[in-house]
Amino acid sequence: MSPELTVLALAGLLQVAQFGLVSVSTNLELGSKITLGPRDGGPLIDRLSQRNARLARAMNNHFEALILLTLAVVVVTLGPGSTPFTATCAWLYLAARIAYVPAYWLGLAPWRSVIWAVGFGATVAMILSALWH
């Protein structure tokens, strides 16, 4: 398996871990009566504490970022193939996404945005590298 595919698999597991973290923290904070209910009171994220809402937003942000990473990995894998540069970009993306969760949870501004930009830039660089190769 290429390094890019390995990172994609690990990024998927990171998403699972984030989902678990948000699920547990939401259930602990709001209780199962609310989390298992019909949500007539609006989205759960609107009822969470500031920090738990940040965890949920970080998870949702990773869903969005994962789409672009998947596209980049597909383009690299079906296109010119893995290079040391694209592998480095993939690992940089994963490191940034791991760092993003506590940075967002702790409200580290502007570092959260800087970390996000590193992951986004690495993903775009993978796509451009595949096009130029």
Protein backbone atom coordinates (compact mmCIF):
# COMPACT_ATOMS: atom_id res chain seq x y z
CA MET A 1 0.00 0.00 0.00
CA SER A 2 1.31 3.45 -0.86
CA PRO A 3 2.05 5.94 1.89
CA GLU A 4 -0.84 8.09 0.67
CA LEU A 5 -3.30 5.21 0.96
CA THR A 6 -1.94 4.40 4.42
CA VAL A 7 -2.51 8.00 5.50
CA LEU A 8 -6.02 7.93 4.03
CA ALA A 9 -6.81 4.81 6.06
CA LEU A 10 -5.36 6.39 9.22
CA ALA A 11 -7.30 9.60 8.54
CA GLY A 12 -10.44 7.50 8.35
CA LEU A 13 -9.61 5.99 11.73
CA LEU A 14 -8.96 9.48 13.09
CA GLN A 15 -12.47 10.39 11.94
CA VAL A 16 -13.85 7.35 13.78
CA ALA A 17 -11.94 8.37 16.91
CA GLN A 18 -13.27 11.92 16.68
CA PHE A 19 -16.81 10.60 16.22
CA GLY A 20 -16.39 8.45 19.33
CA LEU A 21 -15.00 11.36 21.33
CA VAL A 22 -17.88 13.63 20.31
CA SER A 23 -20.46 10.91 20.96
CA VAL A 24 -19.18 10.13 24.45
CA SER A 25 -18.74 13.76 25.48
CA THR A 26 -22.19 14.69 24.11
CA ASN A 27 -23.88 11.80 25.91
CA LEU A 28 -22.11 12.64 29.16
CA GLU A 29 -23.09 16.29 28.93
CA LEU A 30 -26.66 16.06 27.64
CA GLY A 31 -27.73 12.58 28.68
CA SER A 32 -29.14 9.79 26.59
CA LYS A 33 -32.71 11.06 26.89
CA ILE A 34 -31.74 14.03 24.74
CA THR A 35 -29.19 12.34 22.47
CA LEU A 36 -31.51 9.44 21.67
CA GLY A 37 -34.55 11.70 21.32
CA PRO A 38 -36.08 13.17 18.16
CA ARG A 39 -34.06 16.40 18.48
CA ASP A 40 -37.13 18.58 18.35
CA GLY A 41 -35.21 21.20 20.34
CA GLY A 42 -32.81 21.79 17.45
CA PRO A 43 -29.32 20.49 16.63
CA LEU A 44 -27.42 18.93 19.50
CA ILE A 45 -24.39 21.09 18.80
CA ASP A 46 -26.43 24.15 19.78
CA ARG A 47 -27.03 22.66 23.24
CA LEU A 48 -23.43 21.73 24.00
CA SER A 49 -20.93 23.55 26.15
CA GLN A 50 -18.37 25.65 24.30
CA ARG A 51 -15.64 23.00 24.45
CA ASN A 52 -17.85 20.07 23.44
CA ALA A 53 -19.27 22.15 20.59
CA ARG A 54 -15.70 22.78 19.45
CA LEU A 55 -15.05 19.03 19.42
CA ALA A 56 -18.12 18.56 17.24
CA ARG A 57 -17.05 21.34 14.87
CA ALA A 58 -13.53 19.88 14.62
CA MET A 59 -15.07 16.52 13.69
CA ASN A 60 -17.29 18.12 11.06
CA ASN A 61 -14.33 20.06 9.70
CA HIS A 62 -12.42 16.81 9.28
CA PHE A 63 -15.32 15.31 7.32
CA GLU A 64 -14.91 18.22 4.90
CA ALA A 65 -11.11 17.98 4.76
CA LEU A 66 -11.25 14.21 4.27
CA ILE A 67 -13.13 14.68 1.00
CA LEU A 68 -10.26 16.71 -0.46
CA LEU A 69 -7.63 14.32 0.90
CA THR A 70 -9.47 11.40 -0.67
CA LEU A 71 -9.52 13.22 -4.00
CA ALA A 72 -5.80 13.93 -3.70
CA VAL A 73 -4.96 10.31 -2.87
CA VAL A 74 -7.06 9.03 -5.77
CA VAL A 75 -5.41 11.46 -8.20
CA VAL A 76 -1.93 10.50 -7.00
CA THR A 77 -2.66 6.77 -6.90
CA LEU A 78 -4.40 6.50 -10.28
CA GLY A 79 -2.18 9.16 -11.84
CA PRO A 80 1.59 9.33 -11.69
CA GLY A 81 1.88 7.37 -8.45
CA SER A 82 3.44 8.03 -5.11
CA THR A 83 6.55 10.18 -4.82
CA PRO A 84 8.52 11.18 -1.74
CA PHE A 85 6.92 14.62 -2.05
CA THR A 86 3.32 13.34 -2.15
CA ALA A 87 4.04 10.92 0.69
CA THR A 88 5.43 13.77 2.80
CA CYS A 89 2.37 15.88 2.00
CA ALA A 90 0.06 13.06 3.06
CA TRP A 91 1.85 12.58 6.39
CA LEU A 92 1.87 16.35 6.92
CA TYR A 93 -1.89 16.39 6.38
CA LEU A 94 -2.40 13.67 8.99
CA ALA A 95 -0.13 15.37 11.53
CA ALA A 96 -1.99 18.64 11.01
CA ARG A 97 -5.39 16.98 11.43
CA ILE A 98 -4.28 15.29 14.64
CA ALA A 99 -2.94 18.59 15.99
CA TYR A 100 -6.10 20.42 14.88
CA VAL A 101 -8.38 18.59 17.33
CA PRO A 102 -6.76 19.79 20.59
CA ALA A 103 -5.99 23.19 19.05
CA TYR A 104 -9.65 23.71 18.22
CA TRP A 105 -10.85 22.22 21.53
CA LEU A 106 -8.59 24.57 23.50
CA GLY A 107 -9.50 27.58 21.32
CA LEU A 108 -5.92 28.26 20.29
CA ALA A 109 -6.24 31.24 17.98
CA PRO A 110 -4.68 31.80 15.53
CA TRP A 111 -2.84 28.46 15.75
CA ARG A 112 -5.94 26.42 14.97
CA SER A 113 -6.22 28.24 11.65
CA VAL A 114 -2.49 27.89 10.96
CA ILE A 115 -2.68 24.14 11.60
CA TRP A 116 -5.73 23.89 9.32
CA ALA A 117 -3.85 25.77 6.58
CA VAL A 118 -0.90 23.37 6.80
CA GLY A 119 -3.19 20.38 6.23
CA PHE A 120 -5.11 22.13 3.46
CA GLY A 121 -1.89 23.27 1.76
CA ALA A 122 -0.41 19.77 1.90
CA THR A 123 -3.52 18.37 0.26
CA VAL A 124 -3.51 20.96 -2.52
CA ALA A 125 0.22 20.36 -3.05
CA MET A 126 -0.47 16.64 -3.56
CA ILE A 127 -3.02 17.42 -6.27
CA LEU A 128 -0.77 19.94 -8.01
CA SER A 129 2.16 17.54 -7.85
CA ALA A 130 0.12 14.86 -9.58
CA LEU A 131 -0.85 17.32 -12.31
CA TRP A 132 2.73 18.49 -12.87
CA HIS A 133 4.27 15.04 -12.83
